[in-house]
Amino acid sequence: MDASIQEASKLPLCLELCNSKITDIPALSSIFSKSFHPVSSFMKQAIPDTLQISQWWSEVNALALSDPEFRIMKIVDTAADGRIVAYARWRLPAGVRSMTVDAGGW
């Protein structure tokens, strides 16, 4: 096994799936650039890390959180004081839009 993989496997990794809240919007809105800009010059150029883009992400996420047709789930690292490390946003299919999401069962 590669030494870096062995070393990484020793790190405590405590990830938890949770429902997102309005107070999570600043963290959610910063994840795209942190995730894709270091590895994709195209994404960095197409969707730059500017104040306007950050405001746009905030608006998109706020609209989704207030819309019952959408769900935003976050992954928090409990070993890093609950820092949000990832999230997913999706629109529910018409047949399941009235369902609630219970992240605790995941």
C-alpha atoms as a PDB file:
ATOM      1  CA  MET A   1       0.000   0.000   0.000  1.00  0.00           C
ATOM      2  CA  ASP A   2       1.232   3.510  -0.824  1.00  0.00           C
ATOM      3  CA  ALA A   3       2.726   5.234   2.258  1.00  0.00           C
ATOM      4  CA  SER A   4       0.519   8.313   1.863  1.00  0.00           C
ATOM      5  CA  ILE A   5      -2.606   6.114   1.767  1.00  0.00           C
ATOM      6  CA  GLN A   6      -1.464   4.285   4.887  1.00  0.00           C
ATOM      7  CA  GLU A   7      -0.825   7.597   6.648  1.00  0.00           C
ATOM      8  CA  ALA A   8      -4.212   9.006   5.604  1.00  0.00           C
ATOM      9  CA  SER A   9      -5.992   5.899   6.829  1.00  0.00           C
ATOM     10  CA  LYS A  10      -4.664   6.585  10.337  1.00  0.00           C
ATOM     11  CA  LEU A  11      -6.377   9.961  10.491  1.00  0.00           C
ATOM     12  CA  PRO A  12      -9.616  10.108  12.453  1.00  0.00           C
ATOM     13  CA  LEU A  13     -12.403  10.743   9.971  1.00  0.00           C
ATOM     14  CA  CYS A  14     -15.731  11.486  11.572  1.00  0.00           C
ATOM     15  CA  LEU A  15     -18.240  12.437   8.909  1.00  0.00           C
ATOM     16  CA  GLU A  16     -21.913  13.003   9.553  1.00  0.00           C
ATOM     17  CA  LEU A  17     -24.793  13.556   7.110  1.00  0.00           C
ATOM     18  CA  CYS A  18     -27.183  16.311   8.227  1.00  0.00           C
ATOM     19  CA  ASN A  19     -29.937  18.529   6.898  1.00  0.00           C
ATOM     20  CA  SER A  20     -28.696  21.995   5.944  1.00  0.00           C
ATOM     21  CA  LYS A  21     -30.005  25.160   7.576  1.00  0.00           C
ATOM     22  CA  ILE A  22     -30.118  28.812   6.535  1.00  0.00           C
ATOM     23  CA  THR A  23     -27.172  29.487   8.865  1.00  0.00           C
ATOM     24  CA  ASP A  24     -25.073  27.066   6.752  1.00  0.00           C
ATOM     25  CA  ILE A  25     -25.343  29.185   3.597  1.00  0.00           C
ATOM     26  CA  PRO A  26     -21.970  30.992   3.915  1.00  0.00           C
ATOM     27  CA  ALA A  27     -20.129  27.673   4.329  1.00  0.00           C
ATOM     28  CA  LEU A  28     -22.121  25.979   1.552  1.00  0.00           C
ATOM     29  CA  SER A  29     -21.459  28.878  -0.794  1.00  0.00           C
ATOM     30  CA  SER A  30     -17.687  28.650  -0.362  1.00  0.00           C
ATOM     31  CA  ILE A  31     -17.366  24.906  -1.036  1.00  0.00           C
ATOM     32  CA  PHE A  32     -17.430  25.017  -4.860  1.00  0.00           C
ATOM     33  CA  SER A  33     -14.344  27.175  -5.238  1.00  0.00           C
ATOM     34  CA  LYS A  34     -12.483  25.326  -2.475  1.00  0.00           C
ATOM     35  CA  SER A  35     -13.294  21.996  -4.116  1.00  0.00           C
ATOM     36  CA  PHE A  36     -12.868  22.639  -7.828  1.00  0.00           C
ATOM     37  CA  HIS A  37     -10.534  25.609  -8.303  1.00  0.00           C
ATOM     38  CA  PRO A  38      -7.368  23.817  -7.087  1.00  0.00           C
ATOM     39  CA  VAL A  39      -7.905  20.965  -9.575  1.00  0.00           C
ATOM     40  CA  SER A  40      -9.624  22.607 -12.560  1.00  0.00           C
ATOM     41  CA  SER A  41      -8.380  25.723 -14.297  1.00  0.00           C
ATOM     42  CA  PHE A  42     -11.528  25.604 -16.443  1.00  0.00           C
ATOM     43  CA  MET A  43     -13.831  25.811 -13.391  1.00  0.00           C
ATOM     44  CA  LYS A  44     -11.659  28.554 -11.889  1.00  0.00           C
ATOM     45  CA  GLN A  45     -12.050  30.595 -15.073  1.00  0.00           C
ATOM     46  CA  ALA A  46     -15.699  29.724 -15.802  1.00  0.00           C
ATOM     47  CA  ILE A  47     -16.947  30.300 -12.242  1.00  0.00           C
ATOM     48  CA  PRO A  48     -14.369  32.581 -10.576  1.00  0.00           C
ATOM     49  CA  ASP A  49     -14.184  33.124  -6.826  1.00  0.00           C
ATOM     50  CA  THR A  50     -15.535  36.683  -6.754  1.00  0.00           C
ATOM     51  CA  LEU A  51     -17.908  38.517  -4.438  1.00  0.00           C
ATOM     52  CA  GLN A  52     -20.617  38.408  -7.122  1.00  0.00           C
ATOM     53  CA  ILE A  53     -20.286  34.636  -7.576  1.00  0.00           C
ATOM     54  CA  SER A  54     -20.314  34.113  -3.805  1.00  0.00           C
ATOM     55  CA  GLN A  55     -23.503  36.167  -3.553  1.00  0.00           C
ATOM     56  CA  TRP A  56     -25.007  34.153  -6.408  1.00  0.00           C
ATOM     57  CA  TRP A  57     -24.203  30.837  -4.640  1.00  0.00           C
ATOM     58  CA  SER A  58     -25.762  32.239  -1.455  1.00  0.00           C
ATOM     59  CA  GLU A  59     -28.948  33.199  -3.315  1.00  0.00           C
ATOM     60  CA  VAL A  60     -29.174  29.831  -5.090  1.00  0.00           C
ATOM     61  CA  ASN A  61     -28.725  27.926  -1.831  1.00  0.00           C
ATOM     62  CA  ALA A  62     -31.157  30.166   0.075  1.00  0.00           C
ATOM     63  CA  LEU A  63     -33.818  29.672  -2.606  1.00  0.00           C
ATOM     64  CA  ALA A  64     -33.309  25.903  -2.530  1.00  0.00           C
ATOM     65  CA  LEU A  65     -33.538  25.773   1.272  1.00  0.00           C
ATOM     66  CA  SER A  66     -36.816  27.686   1.198  1.00  0.00           C
ATOM     67  CA  ASP A  67     -38.316  25.573  -1.599  1.00  0.00           C
ATOM     68  CA  PRO A  68     -40.040  22.328  -0.505  1.00  0.00           C
ATOM     69  CA  GLU A  69     -39.144  20.756  -3.861  1.00  0.00           C
ATOM     70  CA  PHE A  70     -35.419  20.913  -3.022  1.00  0.00           C
ATOM     71  CA  ARG A  71     -33.206  19.281  -0.430  1.00  0.00           C
ATOM     72  CA  ILE A  72     -29.724  20.277   0.657  1.00  0.00           C
ATOM     73  CA  MET A  73     -27.804  17.795   2.759  1.00  0.00           C
ATOM     74  CA  LYS A  74     -24.411  18.584   4.248  1.00  0.00           C
ATOM     75  CA  ILE A  75     -21.493  16.472   5.393  1.00  0.00           C
ATOM     76  CA  VAL A  76     -19.838  17.749   8.555  1.00  0.00           C
ATOM     77  CA  ASP A  77     -16.512  16.656   9.970  1.00  0.00           C
ATOM     78  CA  THR A  78     -17.154  16.191  13.684  1.00  0.00           C
ATOM     79  CA  ALA A  79     -13.415  15.903  14.283  1.00  0.00           C
ATOM     80  CA  ALA A  80     -13.043  19.455  12.897  1.00  0.00           C
ATOM     81  CA  ASP A  81     -15.618  21.190  15.121  1.00  0.00           C
ATOM     82  CA  GLY A  82     -18.501  20.332  12.802  1.00  0.00           C
ATOM     83  CA  ARG A  83     -16.996  22.064   9.760  1.00  0.00           C
ATOM     84  CA  ILE A  84     -19.017  21.514   6.571  1.00  0.00           C
ATOM     85  CA  VAL A  85     -16.813  19.629   4.110  1.00  0.00           C
ATOM     86  CA  ALA A  86     -19.345  18.789   1.377  1.00  0.00           C
ATOM     87  CA  TYR A  87     -22.964  19.141   0.398  1.00  0.00           C
ATOM     88  CA  ALA A  88     -25.486  17.970  -2.166  1.00  0.00           C
ATOM     89  CA  ARG A  89     -28.488  19.865  -3.499  1.00  0.00           C
ATOM     90  CA  TRP A  90     -31.193  18.226  -5.561  1.00  0.00           C
ATOM     91  CA  ARG A  91     -34.766  18.665  -6.693  1.00  0.00           C
ATOM     92  CA  LEU A  92     -37.040  15.863  -5.612  1.00  0.00           C
ATOM     93  CA  PRO A  93     -39.005  13.937  -8.237  1.00  0.00           C
ATOM     94  CA  ALA A  94     -42.668  14.951  -8.374  1.00  0.00           C
ATOM     95  CA  GLY A  95     -43.848  11.728  -6.715  1.00  0.00           C
ATOM     96  CA  VAL A  96     -41.759  12.167  -3.566  1.00  0.00           C
ATOM     97  CA  ARG A  97     -41.789  15.909  -2.956  1.00  0.00           C
ATOM     98  CA  SER A  98     -43.936  15.574   0.143  1.00  0.00           C
ATOM     99  CA  MET A  99     -41.458  13.196   1.812  1.00  0.00           C
ATOM    100  CA  THR A 100     -39.282  14.401   4.662  1.00  0.00           C
ATOM    101  CA  VAL A 101     -35.599  13.551   4.839  1.00  0.00           C
ATOM    102  CA  ASP A 102     -34.344  11.942   8.008  1.00  0.00           C
ATOM    103  CA  ALA A 103     -30.574  12.236   7.897  1.00  0.00           C
ATOM    104  CA  GLY A 104     -30.253  10.423  11.209  1.00  0.00           C
ATOM    105  CA  GLY A 105     -30.952   7.070   9.585  1.00  0.00           C
ATOM    106  CA  TRP A 106     -28.086   7.299   7.098  1.00  0.00           C
END
